[in-house]
Amino acid sequence: MAIVGTGVDVAEVARVRAALEEPTTGARFKARVFTAGEQRDCEARGAGRFQSYAARFAAKEAVMKALGLGWGRHIGWLDVEVVRAEDGRPTLRLHGKGAAAAGAAGVARFHLALSHTREVAVAQAIAEGDPVA
């Protein structure tokens, strides 16, 4: 196994919060970017939910970078889902175009790290597998 790609992203908590709380587009933003499971996990954090949303947003961007793709035609926000492993670690579940892109790149698994303060969230994704030539 080798490292196929890496990605890192930083998200400002205030910007993600503003997008989620925007009266006319906030609900649509939440539904377009975060899976139902991610929304449940973030909302369960109460006052810390905006940091959790920002960390997941950053994780999605980091995964796209690790795959060498940008959001849009090749991969969508809901194609990358941050879930908790049984031991509590954040991990990834890829759907649709995300799973297809990872398979095409030879990615067998991702390693994910998330961190945040009240102001910023950061995510690092490392794609591991057998690179496709």
Protein backbone atom coordinates (compact mmCIF):
# COMPACT_ATOMS: atom_id res chain seq x y z
CA MET A 1 0.00 0.00 0.00
CA ALA A 2 1.11 3.53 -0.77
CA ILE A 3 -0.18 7.03 -0.23
CA VAL A 4 -2.31 7.84 -3.26
CA GLY A 5 -3.08 11.43 -2.25
CA THR A 6 -3.36 13.87 0.61
CA GLY A 7 -5.63 16.80 1.22
CA VAL A 8 -6.05 19.43 3.89
CA ASP A 9 -8.64 22.15 4.30
CA VAL A 10 -9.55 24.84 6.82
CA ALA A 11 -13.08 26.16 7.29
CA GLU A 12 -14.10 29.25 9.21
CA VAL A 13 -16.79 28.32 11.72
CA ALA A 14 -18.50 31.72 11.38
CA ARG A 15 -18.86 31.34 7.60
CA VAL A 16 -20.33 27.85 7.89
CA ARG A 17 -22.66 29.05 10.66
CA ALA A 18 -23.79 32.00 8.55
CA ALA A 19 -24.53 29.69 5.62
CA LEU A 20 -26.53 27.32 7.84
CA GLU A 21 -28.50 30.11 9.52
CA GLU A 22 -29.22 32.14 6.38
CA PRO A 23 -33.02 32.50 6.44
CA THR A 24 -33.71 31.87 2.76
CA THR A 25 -30.98 29.39 1.79
CA GLY A 26 -29.73 27.83 5.04
CA ALA A 27 -31.92 24.73 4.93
CA ARG A 28 -31.04 24.12 1.29
CA PHE A 29 -27.31 24.53 2.04
CA LYS A 30 -27.56 22.01 4.89
CA ALA A 31 -29.40 19.46 2.74
CA ARG A 32 -27.03 19.90 -0.25
CA VAL A 33 -23.81 19.61 1.76
CA PHE A 34 -24.47 17.34 4.75
CA THR A 35 -26.02 13.87 4.84
CA ALA A 36 -28.86 13.12 7.25
CA GLY A 37 -26.40 11.23 9.46
CA GLU A 38 -23.97 14.13 9.54
CA GLN A 39 -26.78 16.51 10.43
CA ARG A 40 -27.88 14.25 13.31
CA ASP A 41 -24.31 14.00 14.62
CA CYS A 42 -23.71 17.74 14.42
CA GLU A 43 -27.06 18.73 15.93
CA ALA A 44 -26.44 16.34 18.84
CA ARG A 45 -23.44 18.48 19.80
CA GLY A 46 -25.68 21.36 20.87
CA ALA A 47 -23.67 24.57 21.22
CA GLY A 48 -20.69 22.97 19.45
CA ARG A 49 -22.68 22.01 16.36
CA PHE A 50 -21.26 24.75 14.16
CA GLN A 51 -17.69 23.61 14.83
CA SER A 52 -18.77 20.08 13.90
CA TYR A 53 -20.41 21.24 10.69
CA ALA A 54 -17.29 23.26 9.80
CA ALA A 55 -15.02 20.27 10.47
CA ARG A 56 -17.15 18.07 8.21
CA PHE A 57 -17.16 20.72 5.50
CA ALA A 58 -13.36 20.87 5.70
CA ALA A 59 -13.19 17.06 5.60
CA LYS A 60 -15.21 16.92 2.39
CA GLU A 61 -12.89 19.46 0.78
CA ALA A 62 -9.80 17.59 2.03
CA VAL A 63 -11.08 14.32 0.53
CA MET A 64 -11.74 16.01 -2.81
CA LYS A 65 -8.18 17.37 -2.77
CA ALA A 66 -6.74 13.95 -1.87
CA LEU A 67 -8.59 12.52 -4.88
CA GLY A 68 -7.39 15.39 -7.08
CA LEU A 69 -10.96 16.48 -7.77
CA GLY A 70 -12.98 19.59 -7.22
CA TRP A 71 -16.63 19.75 -6.25
CA GLY A 72 -18.99 19.61 -9.20
CA ARG A 73 -19.18 17.26 -12.12
CA HIS A 74 -16.77 14.68 -10.69
CA ILE A 75 -17.87 14.54 -7.05
CA GLY A 76 -20.60 16.07 -4.92
CA TRP A 77 -20.87 17.09 -1.29
CA LEU A 78 -23.11 14.17 -0.37
CA ASP A 79 -20.69 11.70 -2.00
CA VAL A 80 -18.37 12.17 1.00
CA GLU A 81 -19.79 11.42 4.45
CA VAL A 82 -18.01 11.78 7.79
CA VAL A 83 -19.08 9.05 10.20
CA ARG A 84 -17.85 7.84 13.56
CA ALA A 85 -16.11 4.49 13.87
CA GLU A 86 -17.12 2.25 16.79
CA ASP A 87 -14.19 3.60 18.79
CA GLY A 88 -15.30 7.20 18.16
CA ARG A 89 -12.71 8.13 15.54
CA PRO A 90 -13.96 10.13 12.58
CA THR A 91 -13.86 8.12 9.38
CA LEU A 92 -15.30 8.33 5.91
CA ARG A 93 -18.03 6.65 3.94
CA LEU A 94 -17.97 7.38 0.21
CA HIS A 95 -21.09 7.20 -1.95
CA GLY A 96 -21.79 7.41 -5.67
CA LYS A 97 -19.21 9.49 -7.51
CA GLY A 98 -16.96 9.60 -4.45
CA ALA A 99 -16.73 5.81 -4.26
CA ALA A 100 -16.23 5.59 -8.02
CA ALA A 101 -13.44 8.21 -7.98
CA ALA A 102 -11.67 6.48 -5.09
CA GLY A 103 -11.90 3.12 -6.85
CA ALA A 104 -10.60 4.56 -10.11
CA ALA A 105 -7.63 6.08 -8.25
CA GLY A 106 -6.84 2.80 -6.48
CA VAL A 107 -7.77 4.11 -3.02
CA ALA A 108 -8.41 1.29 -0.56
CA ARG A 109 -8.97 3.47 2.53
CA PHE A 110 -8.74 6.98 3.93
CA HIS A 111 -7.22 8.24 7.14
CA LEU A 112 -9.03 11.31 8.48
CA ALA A 113 -8.09 13.81 11.17
CA LEU A 114 -10.39 16.63 12.32
CA SER A 115 -9.75 19.44 14.75
CA HIS A 116 -11.32 22.78 15.58
CA THR A 117 -11.34 25.80 17.80
CA ARG A 118 -14.29 28.12 18.21
CA GLU A 119 -13.16 30.02 15.11
CA VAL A 120 -11.71 27.49 12.66
CA ALA A 121 -11.91 23.82 11.78
CA VAL A 122 -9.25 21.82 9.97
CA ALA A 123 -9.32 18.43 8.31
CA GLN A 124 -6.62 16.24 6.81
CA ALA A 125 -7.37 13.28 4.56
CA ILE A 126 -4.80 10.72 3.47
CA ALA A 127 -5.79 8.32 0.71
CA GLU A 128 -4.02 4.98 0.84
CA GLY A 129 -4.04 2.18 -1.68
CA ASP A 130 -2.42 0.93 -4.84
CA PRO A 131 -2.14 3.87 -7.26
CA VAL A 132 -3.55 3.33 -10.71
CA ALA A 133 -0.96 4.17 -13.38
